[in-house]
Protein backbone atom coordinates (compact mmCIF):
# COMPACT_ATOMS: atom_id res chain seq x y z
CA MET A 1 -2.96 -43.96 -40.50
CA VAL A 2 0.42 -42.51 -41.13
CA ILE A 3 2.82 -44.04 -43.79
CA GLY A 4 6.13 -42.80 -44.85
CA ASP A 5 7.95 -42.24 -48.03
CA ASP A 6 10.46 -44.90 -47.64
CA GLN A 7 7.51 -47.42 -47.05
CA LEU A 8 5.73 -46.28 -49.76
CA GLY A 9 8.61 -46.61 -52.02
CA THR A 10 9.00 -49.98 -50.72
CA ILE A 11 5.48 -50.65 -51.84
CA ARG A 12 5.74 -48.87 -55.36
CA HIS A 13 9.17 -50.82 -55.97
CA LEU A 14 7.10 -54.31 -55.52
CA CYS A 15 3.86 -53.48 -57.48
CA LEU A 16 6.12 -52.12 -60.39
CA ALA A 17 8.19 -55.40 -60.05
CA SER A 18 5.28 -57.65 -59.63
CA HIS A 19 3.52 -56.19 -62.91
CA PRO A 20 0.99 -57.60 -64.25
CA LEU A 21 0.69 -60.35 -61.34
CA GLU A 22 -0.80 -59.37 -58.14
CA THR A 23 0.87 -58.90 -55.18
CA GLY A 24 1.33 -58.00 -51.48
CA GLY A 25 2.70 -57.72 -48.06
CA VAL A 26 2.01 -57.06 -44.20
CA LEU A 27 2.05 -53.94 -42.90
CA ILE A 28 4.08 -53.40 -39.50
CA GLY A 29 4.19 -50.57 -37.01
CA GLN A 30 2.89 -48.83 -33.76
CA TYR A 31 0.05 -47.25 -32.37
CA ASN A 32 0.20 -43.88 -30.69
CA ALA A 33 -0.74 -43.83 -27.08
CA GLY A 34 -4.40 -43.17 -27.57
CA LEU A 35 -4.70 -46.30 -29.85
CA ASP A 36 -6.30 -43.98 -32.26
CA THR A 37 -3.42 -43.85 -35.05
CA ALA A 38 -1.19 -46.61 -36.39
CA THR A 39 2.45 -45.53 -37.88
CA VAL A 40 3.29 -47.99 -40.37
CA THR A 41 7.13 -48.20 -40.23
CA ARG A 42 7.71 -51.50 -42.30
CA VAL A 43 6.41 -53.12 -45.01
CA THR A 44 7.16 -56.60 -46.30
CA GLY A 45 6.95 -58.16 -49.84
CA PRO A 46 4.99 -61.35 -50.37
CA PRO A 47 6.52 -64.20 -48.31
CA SER A 48 8.01 -66.97 -50.56
CA ASP A 49 5.18 -69.20 -50.32
CA SER A 50 2.69 -66.50 -51.93
CA GLN A 51 0.62 -67.31 -54.90
CA ARG A 52 0.60 -64.55 -57.43
CA LYS A 53 -1.81 -64.81 -60.30
CA ARG A 54 -3.01 -61.96 -62.64
CA THR A 55 -6.33 -61.29 -60.83
CA SER A 56 -5.56 -63.01 -57.34
CA PHE A 57 -2.94 -63.27 -54.66
CA TYR A 58 -2.71 -65.46 -51.72
CA ARG A 59 -0.46 -63.87 -49.50
CA GLY A 60 2.19 -66.58 -47.83
CA THR A 61 3.38 -67.32 -43.95
CA GLN A 62 6.41 -68.03 -44.63
CA GLY A 63 9.16 -66.41 -42.34
CA LEU A 64 6.36 -63.72 -40.85
CA GLN A 65 5.95 -65.47 -37.75
CA GLU A 66 9.88 -65.05 -36.93
CA LEU A 67 9.77 -61.49 -38.08
CA LEU A 68 7.18 -60.38 -35.96
CA ARG A 69 8.42 -62.28 -33.01
CA ALA A 70 11.49 -60.48 -33.36
CA LEU A 71 10.07 -57.01 -33.91
CA TRP A 72 7.50 -57.50 -30.77
CA PRO A 73 10.21 -56.37 -28.12
CA LYS A 74 10.94 -53.27 -30.47
CA GLU A 75 7.09 -52.33 -29.79
CA GLU A 76 6.75 -53.00 -33.66
CA TYR A 77 3.61 -54.81 -34.87
CA TYR A 78 1.13 -56.59 -37.48
CA LEU A 79 -0.85 -53.61 -38.55
CA GLY A 80 -2.51 -55.65 -41.23
CA GLU A 81 -2.16 -55.77 -45.08
CA TRP A 82 -1.42 -54.49 -48.27
CA HIS A 83 -2.37 -55.80 -51.54
CA TYR A 84 -1.84 -54.89 -55.57
CA HIS A 85 -4.52 -54.84 -58.29
CA PRO A 86 -3.01 -54.71 -61.48
CA GLY A 87 -5.10 -53.23 -64.22
CA SER A 88 -8.33 -53.34 -61.85
CA SER A 89 -9.68 -50.66 -59.37
CA PRO A 90 -7.92 -50.02 -55.88
CA GLU A 91 -10.87 -51.24 -54.21
CA PRO A 92 -10.98 -54.49 -52.07
CA SER A 93 -12.18 -57.41 -53.59
CA ALA A 94 -15.00 -59.32 -51.84
CA GLU A 95 -12.14 -61.93 -51.08
CA ASP A 96 -10.02 -59.11 -49.47
CA VAL A 97 -12.78 -57.93 -47.40
CA ARG A 98 -13.71 -61.58 -45.98
CA ARG A 99 -9.77 -62.11 -45.32
CA MET A 100 -9.59 -58.78 -43.47
CA GLN A 101 -12.81 -59.61 -41.53
CA GLU A 102 -11.11 -63.22 -40.59
CA ILE A 103 -8.09 -61.53 -39.57
CA ALA A 104 -10.34 -58.77 -37.12
CA ASN A 105 -12.32 -60.94 -35.65
CA SER A 106 -9.31 -63.77 -34.92
CA ASP A 107 -8.02 -64.16 -31.36
CA GLN A 108 -4.81 -65.65 -32.45
CA ALA A 109 -4.18 -62.91 -34.98
CA ASN A 110 -4.16 -60.32 -32.24
CA CYS A 111 -5.35 -57.57 -34.70
CA PRO A 112 -8.85 -56.27 -33.76
CA GLU A 113 -8.60 -53.47 -36.26
CA PRO A 114 -6.12 -54.77 -39.43
CA LEU A 115 -5.43 -51.94 -41.92
CA LEU A 116 -5.91 -52.89 -45.60
CA LEU A 117 -4.28 -50.92 -48.48
CA VAL A 118 -5.04 -51.53 -52.20
CA VAL A 119 -2.47 -50.06 -55.15
CA GLY A 120 -5.23 -50.47 -58.19
CA ASN A 121 -5.26 -49.01 -61.66
CA GLY A 122 -2.75 -46.24 -62.57
CA TYR A 123 -1.45 -46.90 -58.93
CA ALA A 124 -4.11 -45.49 -57.26
CA LEU A 125 -4.17 -46.43 -53.64
CA THR A 126 -6.98 -46.46 -51.23
CA ALA A 127 -6.55 -47.52 -47.23
CA HIS A 128 -9.34 -49.12 -44.94
CA VAL A 129 -9.53 -50.37 -41.66
CA PHE A 130 -11.75 -53.47 -40.34
CA PRO A 131 -13.07 -53.00 -36.83
CA ARG A 132 -13.84 -56.40 -35.17
CA GLN A 133 -17.74 -57.56 -35.76
CA GLN A 134 -18.05 -54.50 -37.91
CA GLY A 135 -17.74 -53.78 -41.84
CA THR A 136 -15.08 -52.03 -43.71
CA LEU A 137 -14.43 -48.26 -42.95
CA ARG A 138 -12.74 -46.32 -45.55
CA LEU A 139 -9.86 -43.96 -44.64
CA ASP A 140 -9.51 -42.05 -47.38
CA PRO A 141 -12.93 -40.44 -47.93
CA GLU A 142 -12.14 -38.25 -50.99
CA GLY A 143 -11.32 -41.07 -52.96
CA PRO A 144 -8.18 -42.81 -54.10
CA GLN A 145 -4.63 -40.76 -54.38
CA SER A 146 -2.05 -41.92 -56.96
CA LEU A 147 0.90 -43.36 -55.53
CA MET A 148 2.99 -42.14 -57.97
CA GLU A 149 1.97 -38.43 -57.11
CA ILE A 150 2.32 -39.02 -53.43
CA MET A 151 5.99 -40.35 -54.01
CA ASN A 152 6.54 -36.91 -56.08
CA ASP A 153 5.62 -34.61 -53.12
């Protein structure tokens, strides 16, 4: 997965603005010709019908279908989700894993390998992919990276 400073900056800003509540949104982008690398070109914040709490987040859907439909002709697609765990681990919760597996296994979602970025304690960031009919694969085997340090590079 490739994600640029602009997109990471958006995530950082949304996390800082939401603290101490969880938040999240959608990752949008493109796949390379070999379909083995996704490039995140856009990130959204939480739709207006989302529910944000200290230890949970439910991403709503208000306006997302229209946005994704408008971006499809530009070859920008739904790639997955990002999520913020303030004061907690940057690892996906059991609920995060369950939801991502639902997306991977849903024909309606049309995303058999959704990505998940999780930002947690100290703005540490982990990345995961959820291949259809499988578990989760962590994309950063060296461990969490600091979103703040990435943005300062």
